[in-house]
Amino acid sequence: MFANTLKMTLRTLCILLSCGLFFTSCISTKDMTYLQRNDDSVVTGPISPVSLKPYRLQTNDVVRISIKAIDPKLVTIFNPSPSGEANASESEQSLYFDGFTVDDHGNIRIPILGEMNVLGFTLEEVRQEIEKDLLEVYFNKEADIFVTVKLAGLRFTINGEIGSPGTKTLFQEKVTIMDAIANSNDITITGDRKRVTIIRQYPYGTEMHDIDLTDINVMQSPYYYVQPNDYIYIKPLKQKSWGTGKTGIESLSTIITLLSLATTTFLLLKN
């Protein structure tokens, strides 16, 4: 009598446990697919662009300034390379040492012009100010100077459930969160694509925001585009801490193991 009752109880428990594990431990395709529409329709029309505000310089940003003139000898003192342009062979380290770092007071030091406060200014505003000051102090209009001001790479840090965590620098004007992830070997299967945290620095402090990369509307978010010094954190899914399996096969293996354990326990109690 006791053996039959115990056997039925264990069987019922195993069935319930197996069903629960199978349906809750697997990570669905919907949780892993980027940029989905809520109505599951096919994306055919254009997506409204994000209205981006120009980036304003902060402390520790590295700015690269190049100046050209009709006579290249006149601008040698300003440019680390003879041509005044960044070469493809230049490393991130060389750009760091040859660039102009915004100090804690928001200043950069430029030959001839000395210190210039650039904190909170856009790159275009800095370019205009440098060109104006150079024409007043060092050049005349006949020199026909051409000034370019750019960030020495867009630098960000990505961590958590990502294939290649760490600090990255991309040498392009705009970088989306999808670009950042693609350059970091994608989010792992146990990464939560619905709650990606962006920690962003502002002159007035730090803000933290979560975005859902499985929703196509994220492309209209101001946090879809990465800004210099952003910290991106990919949270883990609950399945990782449960340890029950990320796919159907892994979950089935876990269930078989539990069933074997339950059977062994039953046989020991019966004897």
C-alpha atoms as a PDB file:
ATOM      1  CA  MET A   1       0.000   0.000   0.000  1.00  0.00           C
ATOM      2  CA  PHE A   2       2.723   2.448   1.027  1.00  0.00           C
ATOM      3  CA  ALA A   3       4.833   1.506  -1.965  1.00  0.00           C
ATOM      4  CA  ASN A   4       1.976   2.129  -4.420  1.00  0.00           C
ATOM      5  CA  THR A   5       1.164   5.494  -2.877  1.00  0.00           C
ATOM      6  CA  LEU A   6       4.813   6.529  -2.926  1.00  0.00           C
ATOM      7  CA  LYS A   7       5.145   5.387  -6.501  1.00  0.00           C
ATOM      8  CA  MET A   8       2.110   7.411  -7.639  1.00  0.00           C
ATOM      9  CA  THR A   9       3.307  10.482  -5.724  1.00  0.00           C
ATOM     10  CA  LEU A  10       6.760  10.333  -7.249  1.00  0.00           C
ATOM     11  CA  ARG A  11       5.322   9.798 -10.730  1.00  0.00           C
ATOM     12  CA  THR A  12       3.002  12.794 -10.400  1.00  0.00           C
ATOM     13  CA  LEU A  13       5.816  14.938  -9.006  1.00  0.00           C
ATOM     14  CA  CYS A  14       8.155  13.981 -11.835  1.00  0.00           C
ATOM     15  CA  ILE A  15       5.544  14.773 -14.505  1.00  0.00           C
ATOM     16  CA  LEU A  16       4.775  18.182 -12.988  1.00  0.00           C
ATOM     17  CA  LEU A  17       8.460  18.958 -12.523  1.00  0.00           C
ATOM     18  CA  SER A  18       9.302  17.892 -16.071  1.00  0.00           C
ATOM     19  CA  CYS A  19       6.559  20.030 -17.590  1.00  0.00           C
ATOM     20  CA  GLY A  20       7.544  23.012 -15.460  1.00  0.00           C
ATOM     21  CA  LEU A  21      11.206  22.745 -16.363  1.00  0.00           C
ATOM     22  CA  PHE A  22      10.547  22.267 -20.058  1.00  0.00           C
ATOM     23  CA  PHE A  23       8.270  25.274 -20.431  1.00  0.00           C
ATOM     24  CA  THR A  24      10.140  27.707 -18.185  1.00  0.00           C
ATOM     25  CA  SER A  25      13.810  26.923 -18.773  1.00  0.00           C
ATOM     26  CA  CYS A  26      14.029  27.130 -22.561  1.00  0.00           C
ATOM     27  CA  ILE A  27      14.917  30.501 -24.064  1.00  0.00           C
ATOM     28  CA  SER A  28      12.445  31.281 -26.835  1.00  0.00           C
ATOM     29  CA  THR A  29      13.376  32.611 -30.252  1.00  0.00           C
ATOM     30  CA  LYS A  30      11.239  35.688 -29.558  1.00  0.00           C
ATOM     31  CA  ASP A  31      13.531  36.604 -26.661  1.00  0.00           C
ATOM     32  CA  MET A  32      16.596  36.368 -28.914  1.00  0.00           C
ATOM     33  CA  THR A  33      15.418  38.171 -32.052  1.00  0.00           C
ATOM     34  CA  TYR A  34      16.338  41.839 -32.446  1.00  0.00           C
ATOM     35  CA  LEU A  35      14.079  44.658 -33.657  1.00  0.00           C
ATOM     36  CA  GLN A  36      10.685  42.930 -33.830  1.00  0.00           C
ATOM     37  CA  ARG A  37       7.328  44.556 -34.470  1.00  0.00           C
ATOM     38  CA  ASN A  38       4.713  44.059 -31.757  1.00  0.00           C
ATOM     39  CA  ASP A  39       2.190  42.786 -34.320  1.00  0.00           C
ATOM     40  CA  ASP A  40       4.721  40.349 -35.869  1.00  0.00           C
ATOM     41  CA  SER A  41       4.319  42.048 -39.260  1.00  0.00           C
ATOM     42  CA  VAL A  42       7.144  42.211 -41.770  1.00  0.00           C
ATOM     43  CA  VAL A  43       9.215  45.403 -41.709  1.00  0.00           C
ATOM     44  CA  THR A  44       8.725  47.020 -45.115  1.00  0.00           C
ATOM     45  CA  GLY A  45       8.293  50.767 -44.574  1.00  0.00           C
ATOM     46  CA  PRO A  46      10.868  53.328 -43.452  1.00  0.00           C
ATOM     47  CA  ILE A  47      11.612  53.856 -39.779  1.00  0.00           C
ATOM     48  CA  SER A  48      11.345  57.438 -38.520  1.00  0.00           C
ATOM     49  CA  PRO A  49      14.878  58.709 -37.847  1.00  0.00           C
ATOM     50  CA  VAL A  50      16.033  59.731 -34.396  1.00  0.00           C
ATOM     51  CA  SER A  51      16.582  63.456 -33.994  1.00  0.00           C
ATOM     52  CA  LEU A  52      20.078  63.513 -32.524  1.00  0.00           C
ATOM     53  CA  LYS A  53      21.474  66.516 -30.737  1.00  0.00           C
ATOM     54  CA  PRO A  54      25.134  67.328 -31.459  1.00  0.00           C
ATOM     55  CA  TYR A  55      27.509  65.796 -28.932  1.00  0.00           C
ATOM     56  CA  ARG A  56      28.941  68.269 -26.430  1.00  0.00           C
ATOM     57  CA  LEU A  57      32.471  67.721 -25.202  1.00  0.00           C
ATOM     58  CA  GLN A  58      33.135  66.499 -21.671  1.00  0.00           C
ATOM     59  CA  THR A  59      36.228  66.054 -19.530  1.00  0.00           C
ATOM     60  CA  ASN A  60      38.612  63.262 -20.617  1.00  0.00           C
ATOM     61  CA  ASP A  61      37.398  63.402 -24.222  1.00  0.00           C
ATOM     62  CA  VAL A  62      40.263  63.270 -26.735  1.00  0.00           C
ATOM     63  CA  VAL A  63      39.928  65.659 -29.663  1.00  0.00           C
ATOM     64  CA  ARG A  64      41.924  65.475 -32.884  1.00  0.00           C
ATOM     65  CA  ILE A  65      42.556  68.798 -34.588  1.00  0.00           C
ATOM     66  CA  SER A  66      44.012  69.021 -38.076  1.00  0.00           C
ATOM     67  CA  ILE A  67      44.842  72.273 -39.870  1.00  0.00           C
ATOM     68  CA  LYS A  68      45.637  72.665 -43.563  1.00  0.00           C
ATOM     69  CA  ALA A  69      46.988  75.639 -45.440  1.00  0.00           C
ATOM     70  CA  ILE A  70      48.299  76.467 -48.902  1.00  0.00           C
ATOM     71  CA  ASP A  71      51.839  76.231 -47.503  1.00  0.00           C
ATOM     72  CA  PRO A  72      52.028  72.998 -45.420  1.00  0.00           C
ATOM     73  CA  LYS A  73      55.069  74.301 -43.524  1.00  0.00           C
ATOM     74  CA  LEU A  74      52.907  76.921 -41.832  1.00  0.00           C
ATOM     75  CA  VAL A  75      50.781  74.311 -40.077  1.00  0.00           C
ATOM     76  CA  THR A  76      53.459  71.746 -39.137  1.00  0.00           C
ATOM     77  CA  ILE A  77      53.431  72.848 -35.500  1.00  0.00           C
ATOM     78  CA  PHE A  78      49.726  72.031 -35.177  1.00  0.00           C
ATOM     79  CA  ASN A  79      49.674  68.615 -36.840  1.00  0.00           C
ATOM     80  CA  PRO A  80      51.250  65.380 -35.533  1.00  0.00           C
ATOM     81  CA  SER A  81      51.471  64.005 -39.091  1.00  0.00           C
ATOM     82  CA  PRO A  82      52.794  65.947 -42.080  1.00  0.00           C
ATOM     83  CA  SER A  83      49.519  65.697 -43.979  1.00  0.00           C
ATOM     84  CA  GLY A  84      47.403  66.731 -41.026  1.00  0.00           C
ATOM     85  CA  GLU A  85      45.161  63.708 -41.518  1.00  0.00           C
ATOM     86  CA  ALA A  86      44.807  60.543 -39.452  1.00  0.00           C
ATOM     87  CA  ASN A  87      46.523  57.673 -41.236  1.00  0.00           C
ATOM     88  CA  ALA A  88      44.985  54.222 -41.361  1.00  0.00           C
ATOM     89  CA  SER A  89      48.074  52.864 -39.608  1.00  0.00           C
ATOM     90  CA  GLU A  90      47.670  55.157 -36.592  1.00  0.00           C
ATOM     91  CA  SER A  91      46.832  53.210 -33.465  1.00  0.00           C
ATOM     92  CA  GLU A  92      44.425  54.189 -30.729  1.00  0.00           C
ATOM     93  CA  GLN A  93      47.430  54.861 -28.478  1.00  0.00           C
ATOM     94  CA  SER A  94      49.044  57.261 -30.958  1.00  0.00           C
ATOM     95  CA  LEU A  95      45.766  59.131 -31.404  1.00  0.00           C
ATOM     96  CA  TYR A  96      45.518  59.420 -27.635  1.00  0.00           C
ATOM     97  CA  PHE A  97      49.012  60.913 -27.280  1.00  0.00           C
ATOM     98  CA  ASP A  98      48.790  63.122 -30.368  1.00  0.00           C
ATOM     99  CA  GLY A  99      45.263  64.327 -29.621  1.00  0.00           C
ATOM    100  CA  PHE A 100      44.104  67.077 -27.286  1.00  0.00           C
ATOM    101  CA  THR A 101      42.624  65.761 -24.028  1.00  0.00           C
ATOM    102  CA  VAL A 102      39.940  67.825 -22.310  1.00  0.00           C
ATOM    103  CA  ASP A 103      41.248  68.315 -18.760  1.00  0.00           C
ATOM    104  CA  ASP A 104      39.273  68.466 -15.514  1.00  0.00           C
ATOM    105  CA  HIS A 105      38.646  72.188 -16.066  1.00  0.00           C
ATOM    106  CA  GLY A 106      37.299  71.624 -19.573  1.00  0.00           C
ATOM    107  CA  ASN A 107      40.367  73.043 -21.329  1.00  0.00           C
ATOM    108  CA  ILE A 108      42.638  71.886 -24.145  1.00  0.00           C
ATOM    109  CA  ARG A 109      46.084  73.349 -24.863  1.00  0.00           C
ATOM    110  CA  ILE A 110      46.749  74.274 -28.492  1.00  0.00           C
ATOM    111  CA  PRO A 111      50.112  75.488 -29.846  1.00  0.00           C
ATOM    112  CA  ILE A 112      50.217  79.277 -30.303  1.00  0.00           C
ATOM    113  CA  LEU A 113      46.663  79.719 -29.019  1.00  0.00           C
ATOM    114  CA  GLY A 114      47.320  78.276 -25.557  1.00  0.00           C
ATOM    115  CA  GLU A 115      44.437  77.070 -23.384  1.00  0.00           C
ATOM    116  CA  MET A 116      40.922  76.992 -24.786  1.00  0.00           C
ATOM    117  CA  ASN A 117      37.819  76.006 -22.841  1.00  0.00           C
ATOM    118  CA  VAL A 118      35.740  73.502 -24.828  1.00  0.00           C
ATOM    119  CA  LEU A 119      33.586  71.959 -22.088  1.00  0.00           C
ATOM    120  CA  GLY A 120      29.977  71.731 -23.283  1.00  0.00           C
ATOM    121  CA  PHE A 121      30.850  72.888 -26.818  1.00  0.00           C
ATOM    122  CA  THR A 122      30.060  70.931 -29.972  1.00  0.00           C
ATOM    123  CA  LEU A 123      32.867  69.947 -32.348  1.00  0.00           C
ATOM    124  CA  GLU A 124      31.602  72.454 -34.902  1.00  0.00           C
ATOM    125  CA  GLU A 125      31.661  75.264 -32.343  1.00  0.00           C
ATOM    126  CA  VAL A 126      35.239  74.370 -31.386  1.00  0.00           C
ATOM    127  CA  ARG A 127      36.261  74.321 -35.053  1.00  0.00           C
ATOM    128  CA  GLN A 128      34.808  77.758 -35.666  1.00  0.00           C
ATOM    129  CA  GLU A 129      36.503  79.201 -32.574  1.00  0.00           C
ATOM    130  CA  ILE A 130      39.927  77.744 -33.484  1.00  0.00           C
ATOM    131  CA  GLU A 131      39.674  79.015 -37.055  1.00  0.00           C
ATOM    132  CA  LYS A 132      38.659  82.485 -35.840  1.00  0.00           C
ATOM    133  CA  ASP A 133      41.500  82.679 -33.282  1.00  0.00           C
ATOM    134  CA  LEU A 134      44.123  81.442 -35.761  1.00  0.00           C
ATOM    135  CA  LEU A 135      43.163  84.071 -38.304  1.00  0.00           C
ATOM    136  CA  GLU A 136      43.400  86.760 -35.631  1.00  0.00           C
ATOM    137  CA  VAL A 137      46.691  85.631 -34.077  1.00  0.00           C
ATOM    138  CA  TYR A 138      48.776  83.548 -36.493  1.00  0.00           C
ATOM    139  CA  PHE A 139      47.524  83.479 -40.073  1.00  0.00           C
ATOM    140  CA  ASN A 140      46.166  85.958 -42.549  1.00  0.00           C
ATOM    141  CA  LYS A 141      43.242  85.280 -44.862  1.00  0.00           C
ATOM    142  CA  GLU A 142      45.584  84.589 -47.782  1.00  0.00           C
ATOM    143  CA  ALA A 143      46.827  81.425 -46.026  1.00  0.00           C
ATOM    144  CA  ASP A 144      43.426  79.898 -46.790  1.00  0.00           C
ATOM    145  CA  ILE A 145      43.428  77.590 -43.736  1.00  0.00           C
ATOM    146  CA  PHE A 146      41.095  74.649 -43.351  1.00  0.00           C
ATOM    147  CA  VAL A 147      40.412  73.359 -39.816  1.00  0.00           C
ATOM    148  CA  THR A 148      38.956  69.949 -38.937  1.00  0.00           C
ATOM    149  CA  VAL A 149      37.958  68.946 -35.398  1.00  0.00           C
ATOM    150  CA  LYS A 150      36.923  65.372 -34.593  1.00  0.00           C
ATOM    151  CA  LEU A 151      36.814  63.037 -31.637  1.00  0.00           C
ATOM    152  CA  ALA A 152      39.760  60.629 -31.596  1.00  0.00           C
ATOM    153  CA  GLY A 153      37.427  57.657 -31.927  1.00  0.00           C
ATOM    154  CA  LEU A 154      34.125  56.888 -30.217  1.00  0.00           C
ATOM    155  CA  ARG A 155      35.039  55.054 -27.011  1.00  0.00           C
ATOM    156  CA  PHE A 156      32.581  52.960 -24.966  1.00  0.00           C
ATOM    157  CA  THR A 157      32.615  50.053 -22.522  1.00  0.00           C
ATOM    158  CA  ILE A 158      30.392  46.978 -22.819  1.00  0.00           C
ATOM    159  CA  ASN A 159      30.062  44.297 -20.153  1.00  0.00           C
ATOM    160  CA  GLY A 160      27.849  41.477 -18.888  1.00  0.00           C
ATOM    161  CA  GLU A 161      26.405  38.760 -21.131  1.00  0.00           C
ATOM    162  CA  ILE A 162      28.374  39.722 -24.229  1.00  0.00           C
ATOM    163  CA  GLY A 163      30.758  37.675 -26.352  1.00  0.00           C
ATOM    164  CA  SER A 164      33.698  40.061 -26.041  1.00  0.00           C
ATOM    165  CA  PRO A 165      33.385  42.450 -23.076  1.00  0.00           C
ATOM    166  CA  GLY A 166      35.697  45.394 -22.558  1.00  0.00           C
ATOM    167  CA  THR A 167      36.387  48.935 -23.707  1.00  0.00           C
ATOM    168  CA  LYS A 168      36.063  49.490 -27.469  1.00  0.00           C
ATOM    169  CA  THR A 169      36.933  52.388 -29.758  1.00  0.00           C
ATOM    170  CA  LEU A 170      35.255  52.738 -33.155  1.00  0.00           C
ATOM    171  CA  PHE A 171      36.551  55.296 -35.638  1.00  0.00           C
ATOM    172  CA  GLN A 172      33.296  56.525 -37.119  1.00  0.00           C
ATOM    173  CA  GLU A 173      30.985  59.495 -36.654  1.00  0.00           C
ATOM    174  CA  LYS A 174      27.892  57.583 -35.462  1.00  0.00           C
ATOM    175  CA  VAL A 175      27.675  54.256 -33.637  1.00  0.00           C
ATOM    176  CA  THR A 176      24.393  52.517 -32.849  1.00  0.00           C
ATOM    177  CA  ILE A 177      23.865  50.065 -30.003  1.00  0.00           C
ATOM    178  CA  MET A 178      23.613  47.345 -32.683  1.00  0.00           C
ATOM    179  CA  ASP A 179      27.052  48.366 -34.023  1.00  0.00           C
ATOM    180  CA  ALA A 180      28.479  48.182 -30.509  1.00  0.00           C
ATOM    181  CA  ILE A 181      27.048  44.696 -29.967  1.00  0.00           C
ATOM    182  CA  ALA A 182      28.177  43.452 -33.388  1.00  0.00           C
ATOM    183  CA  ASN A 183      31.721  44.649 -32.633  1.00  0.00           C
ATOM    184  CA  SER A 184      31.619  42.753 -29.328  1.00  0.00           C
ATOM    185  CA  ASN A 185      30.695  39.315 -30.744  1.00  0.00           C
ATOM    186  CA  ASP A 186      26.958  39.622 -30.017  1.00  0.00           C
ATOM    187  CA  ILE A 187      24.949  39.079 -26.832  1.00  0.00           C
ATOM    188  CA  THR A 188      25.213  35.532 -25.464  1.00  0.00           C
ATOM    189  CA  ILE A 189      22.219  33.209 -25.491  1.00  0.00           C
ATOM    190  CA  THR A 190      21.678  33.903 -21.772  1.00  0.00           C
ATOM    191  CA  GLY A 191      21.761  37.691 -22.217  1.00  0.00           C
ATOM    192  CA  ASP A 192      18.579  39.698 -21.646  1.00  0.00           C
ATOM    193  CA  ARG A 193      17.986  41.648 -24.859  1.00  0.00           C
ATOM    194  CA  LYS A 194      14.864  43.243 -23.399  1.00  0.00           C
ATOM    195  CA  ARG A 195      16.688  45.085 -20.610  1.00  0.00           C
ATOM    196  CA  VAL A 196      19.992  46.441 -21.902  1.00  0.00           C
ATOM    197  CA  THR A 197      21.269  49.132 -19.551  1.00  0.00           C
ATOM    198  CA  ILE A 198      22.937  52.292 -20.856  1.00  0.00           C
ATOM    199  CA  ILE A 199      24.891  54.330 -18.279  1.00  0.00           C
ATOM    200  CA  ARG A 200      25.583  57.746 -19.793  1.00  0.00           C
ATOM    201  CA  GLN A 201      27.681  60.648 -18.560  1.00  0.00           C
ATOM    202  CA  TYR A 202      26.384  64.216 -18.716  1.00  0.00           C
ATOM    203  CA  PRO A 203      27.965  67.484 -17.535  1.00  0.00           C
ATOM    204  CA  TYR A 204      25.446  67.505 -14.666  1.00  0.00           C
ATOM    205  CA  GLY A 205      25.914  63.864 -13.666  1.00  0.00           C
ATOM    206  CA  THR A 206      25.180  60.262 -14.654  1.00  0.00           C
ATOM    207  CA  GLU A 207      21.931  58.766 -15.953  1.00  0.00           C
ATOM    208  CA  MET A 208      20.968  55.102 -16.377  1.00  0.00           C
ATOM    209  CA  HIS A 209      18.372  53.825 -18.844  1.00  0.00           C
ATOM    210  CA  ASP A 210      17.098  50.400 -19.977  1.00  0.00           C
ATOM    211  CA  ILE A 211      16.219  49.735 -23.620  1.00  0.00           C
ATOM    212  CA  ASP A 212      14.501  46.772 -25.306  1.00  0.00           C
ATOM    213  CA  LEU A 213      16.488  45.569 -28.322  1.00  0.00           C
ATOM    214  CA  THR A 214      13.761  43.095 -29.335  1.00  0.00           C
ATOM    215  CA  ASP A 215      11.384  46.000 -30.081  1.00  0.00           C
ATOM    216  CA  ILE A 216      11.852  47.807 -33.397  1.00  0.00           C
ATOM    217  CA  ASN A 217      10.742  51.070 -31.748  1.00  0.00           C
ATOM    218  CA  VAL A 218      14.100  51.159 -29.967  1.00  0.00           C
ATOM    219  CA  MET A 219      15.448  52.722 -33.173  1.00  0.00           C
ATOM    220  CA  GLN A 220      13.534  55.877 -32.233  1.00  0.00           C
ATOM    221  CA  SER A 221      15.119  56.039 -28.786  1.00  0.00           C
ATOM    222  CA  PRO A 222      17.821  58.655 -28.060  1.00  0.00           C
ATOM    223  CA  TYR A 223      19.798  55.799 -26.481  1.00  0.00           C
ATOM    224  CA  TYR A 224      19.876  53.802 -29.709  1.00  0.00           C
ATOM    225  CA  TYR A 225      22.990  55.778 -30.658  1.00  0.00           C
ATOM    226  CA  VAL A 226      26.056  55.302 -28.479  1.00  0.00           C
ATOM    227  CA  GLN A 227      27.789  58.381 -27.117  1.00  0.00           C
ATOM    228  CA  PRO A 228      31.442  58.645 -26.037  1.00  0.00           C
ATOM    229  CA  ASN A 229      32.147  57.093 -22.622  1.00  0.00           C
ATOM    230  CA  ASP A 230      28.845  55.160 -22.515  1.00  0.00           C
ATOM    231  CA  TYR A 231      28.803  52.041 -20.323  1.00  0.00           C
ATOM    232  CA  ILE A 232      26.598  49.267 -21.744  1.00  0.00           C
ATOM    233  CA  TYR A 233      25.578  46.405 -19.463  1.00  0.00           C
ATOM    234  CA  ILE A 234      23.811  43.232 -20.644  1.00  0.00           C
ATOM    235  CA  LYS A 235      21.864  41.602 -17.805  1.00  0.00           C
ATOM    236  CA  PRO A 236      21.631  37.779 -17.565  1.00  0.00           C
ATOM    237  CA  LEU A 237      18.339  35.934 -18.032  1.00  0.00           C
ATOM    238  CA  LYS A 238      16.876  33.955 -15.130  1.00  0.00           C
ATOM    239  CA  GLN A 239      17.622  30.714 -17.005  1.00  0.00           C
ATOM    240  CA  LYS A 240      21.336  31.225 -16.383  1.00  0.00           C
ATOM    241  CA  SER A 241      20.958  31.202 -12.597  1.00  0.00           C
ATOM    242  CA  TRP A 242      18.499  28.299 -12.697  1.00  0.00           C
ATOM    243  CA  GLY A 243      20.999  26.159 -14.602  1.00  0.00           C
ATOM    244  CA  THR A 244      18.212  24.067 -16.155  1.00  0.00           C
ATOM    245  CA  GLY A 245      19.220  24.483 -19.774  1.00  0.00           C
ATOM    246  CA  LYS A 246      19.119  27.159 -22.436  1.00  0.00           C
ATOM    247  CA  THR A 247      17.710  24.994 -25.249  1.00  0.00           C
ATOM    248  CA  GLY A 248      15.140  22.212 -25.512  1.00  0.00           C
ATOM    249  CA  ILE A 249      17.854  19.548 -25.680  1.00  0.00           C
ATOM    250  CA  GLU A 250      19.605  20.876 -22.568  1.00  0.00           C
ATOM    251  CA  SER A 251      16.304  21.029 -20.707  1.00  0.00           C
ATOM    252  CA  LEU A 252      15.458  17.472 -21.789  1.00  0.00           C
ATOM    253  CA  SER A 253      18.830  16.281 -20.489  1.00  0.00           C
ATOM    254  CA  THR A 254      18.098  17.930 -17.140  1.00  0.00           C
ATOM    255  CA  ILE A 255      14.656  16.289 -16.998  1.00  0.00           C
ATOM    256  CA  ILE A 256      16.108  12.844 -17.774  1.00  0.00           C
ATOM    257  CA  THR A 257      18.681  13.319 -15.020  1.00  0.00           C
ATOM    258  CA  LEU A 258      15.960  14.245 -12.511  1.00  0.00           C
ATOM    259  CA  LEU A 259      13.806  11.284 -13.562  1.00  0.00           C
ATOM    260  CA  SER A 260      16.763   8.946 -13.127  1.00  0.00           C
ATOM    261  CA  LEU A 261      17.385  10.376  -9.670  1.00  0.00           C
ATOM    262  CA  ALA A 262      13.704   9.981  -8.738  1.00  0.00           C
ATOM    263  CA  THR A 263      13.663   6.374  -9.990  1.00  0.00           C
ATOM    264  CA  THR A 264      16.793   5.518  -8.037  1.00  0.00           C
ATOM    265  CA  THR A 265      15.318   7.065  -4.884  1.00  0.00           C
ATOM    266  CA  PHE A 266      12.079   5.094  -5.334  1.00  0.00           C
ATOM    267  CA  LEU A 267      13.898   1.778  -5.784  1.00  0.00           C
ATOM    268  CA  LEU A 268      16.011   2.401  -2.690  1.00  0.00           C
ATOM    269  CA  LEU A 269      12.944   3.216  -0.580  1.00  0.00           C
ATOM    270  CA  LYS A 270      11.067   0.179  -1.941  1.00  0.00           C
ATOM    271  CA  ASN A 271      13.872  -2.187  -0.958  1.00  0.00           C
END
